[in-house]
Amino acid sequence: QVQLVESGGGSVQPGGSLRLSCAASGSIFSIYAMGWYRQAPGKQRELVATIISAGTIKYADSVKGRFTISRDNGKNTVYLQMNSLEPGDTAVYYCDFIHQVGTVRYEYWGQGTQVTVSS
């Protein structure tokens, strides 16, 4: 089993910054991907950014140039630096973790952390 602990959410004014962290622990095998999704009220959960094992990084078009994802492999932790935040970034942000055991991939989700951007 894998446990994910998220931190760093909160409230900020437009133009502000926040940094999210997600630390994975437990029985971790070969990490396939770690990343962040978000879900705003009344909307579907959407990809924000993810790092895939080979080093590929994907961003949602809406956050490119403003958000930066990074990973500390030694700590099994993924970070999301969010700059120039906009009201449209308001959502619950979820950490996503996928590891591979043999030929099977298992996916885990964090509990979610609220990000509110408002003046």
Protein backbone atom coordinates (compact mmCIF):
# COMPACT_ATOMS: atom_id res chain seq x y z
CA GLN A 1 0.00 0.00 0.00
CA VAL A 2 1.11 3.56 -0.70
CA GLN A 3 0.26 6.62 1.34
CA LEU A 4 0.27 10.14 -0.10
CA VAL A 5 0.51 13.24 2.08
CA GLU A 6 -0.22 16.56 0.43
CA SER A 7 0.52 20.01 1.76
CA GLY A 8 0.77 23.61 0.66
CA GLY A 9 -2.73 24.60 -0.35
CA GLY A 10 -4.41 27.77 0.84
CA SER A 11 -5.87 31.10 -0.17
CA VAL A 12 -4.02 33.68 -2.20
CA GLN A 13 -4.78 36.83 -4.15
CA PRO A 14 -4.58 36.87 -7.96
CA GLY A 15 -0.97 37.08 -9.06
CA GLY A 16 0.24 35.29 -5.96
CA SER A 17 2.11 32.03 -5.59
CA LEU A 18 1.73 28.74 -3.79
CA ARG A 19 3.80 25.58 -3.65
CA LEU A 20 2.18 22.18 -3.28
CA SER A 21 4.02 19.12 -2.04
CA CYS A 22 3.08 15.45 -2.14
CA ALA A 23 5.16 12.85 -0.35
CA ALA A 24 4.68 9.16 -1.07
CA SER A 25 5.51 6.46 1.46
CA GLY A 26 4.88 2.78 2.01
CA SER A 27 5.54 -0.14 -0.31
CA ILE A 28 6.84 1.76 -3.31
CA PHE A 29 8.16 -0.11 -6.31
CA SER A 30 9.04 1.38 -9.67
CA ILE A 31 7.44 4.83 -9.89
CA TYR A 32 5.84 5.34 -13.27
CA ALA A 33 4.44 8.83 -12.77
CA MET A 34 3.75 11.47 -10.16
CA GLY A 35 1.68 14.52 -10.81
CA TRP A 36 -1.19 16.81 -10.00
CA TYR A 37 -4.80 16.99 -11.06
CA ARG A 38 -7.45 19.49 -10.01
CA GLN A 39 -11.20 19.62 -9.78
CA ALA A 40 -13.21 22.80 -9.61
CA PRO A 41 -16.84 22.81 -8.43
CA GLY A 42 -19.14 21.42 -11.10
CA LYS A 43 -16.25 20.40 -13.35
CA GLN A 44 -14.43 17.19 -14.12
CA ARG A 45 -11.04 16.42 -12.67
CA GLU A 46 -8.33 17.55 -15.07
CA LEU A 47 -4.61 17.10 -15.44
CA VAL A 48 -2.50 20.01 -14.24
CA ALA A 49 1.00 18.58 -14.60
CA THR A 50 2.74 15.24 -14.40
CA ILE A 51 6.23 13.78 -14.56
CA ILE A 52 6.50 10.37 -16.21
CA SER A 53 9.37 8.05 -15.28
CA ALA A 54 11.44 8.65 -18.40
CA GLY A 55 11.48 12.33 -17.56
CA THR A 56 8.61 13.43 -19.75
CA ILE A 57 6.71 16.37 -18.28
CA LYS A 58 3.22 17.31 -19.33
CA TYR A 59 1.34 20.49 -18.47
CA ALA A 60 -2.19 21.60 -19.08
CA ASP A 61 -2.17 24.41 -21.62
CA SER A 62 -3.84 26.69 -19.10
CA VAL A 63 -0.88 26.52 -16.69
CA LYS A 64 2.08 26.48 -19.07
CA GLY A 65 4.54 29.22 -18.20
CA ARG A 66 3.01 29.74 -14.76
CA PHE A 67 3.31 26.36 -13.01
CA THR A 68 6.40 24.21 -12.61
CA ILE A 69 6.39 20.56 -11.54
CA SER A 70 9.45 18.92 -10.06
CA ARG A 71 10.29 15.71 -8.26
CA ASP A 72 12.75 14.67 -5.57
CA ASN A 73 13.35 10.99 -6.27
CA GLY A 74 15.22 10.43 -3.02
CA LYS A 75 12.21 11.65 -1.03
CA ASN A 76 9.52 10.25 -3.35
CA THR A 77 8.06 13.72 -3.35
CA VAL A 78 6.54 15.78 -6.13
CA TYR A 79 6.16 19.55 -6.02
CA LEU A 80 4.02 22.01 -7.91
CA GLN A 81 5.19 25.60 -7.90
CA MET A 82 2.28 27.79 -8.90
CA ASN A 83 2.98 31.39 -9.87
CA SER A 84 0.79 34.14 -11.30
CA LEU A 85 -2.26 32.42 -9.90
CA GLU A 86 -5.62 33.31 -11.39
CA PRO A 87 -9.16 32.90 -10.05
CA GLY A 88 -9.62 30.14 -12.62
CA ASP A 89 -7.00 28.10 -10.79
CA THR A 90 -9.32 27.75 -7.81
CA ALA A 91 -9.92 24.05 -7.25
CA VAL A 92 -9.11 21.07 -5.10
CA TYR A 93 -5.71 19.80 -6.18
CA TYR A 94 -5.04 16.06 -6.01
CA CYS A 95 -1.71 14.30 -6.06
CA ASP A 96 -1.58 11.35 -8.43
CA PHE A 97 0.90 8.51 -8.00
CA ILE A 98 1.42 5.51 -10.27
CA HIS A 99 3.92 2.75 -9.65
CA GLN A 100 4.55 -0.50 -11.42
CA VAL A 101 4.78 -3.86 -9.70
CA GLY A 102 5.93 -6.40 -12.24
CA THR A 103 3.78 -5.70 -15.26
CA VAL A 104 0.90 -4.10 -13.37
CA ARG A 105 0.54 -0.39 -12.67
CA TYR A 106 -1.24 0.79 -9.55
CA GLU A 107 -2.61 4.30 -9.12
CA TYR A 108 -3.14 6.18 -5.87
CA TRP A 109 -4.69 9.56 -5.15
CA GLY A 110 -4.01 12.03 -2.39
CA GLN A 111 -6.78 13.38 -0.20
CA GLY A 112 -6.80 16.72 -2.01
CA THR A 113 -5.79 20.19 -0.96
CA GLN A 114 -7.85 23.33 -1.57
CA VAL A 115 -6.39 26.20 -3.56
CA THR A 116 -8.45 29.39 -3.61
CA VAL A 117 -7.47 32.41 -5.67
CA SER A 118 -9.56 35.44 -4.86
CA SER A 119 -9.25 39.15 -4.23
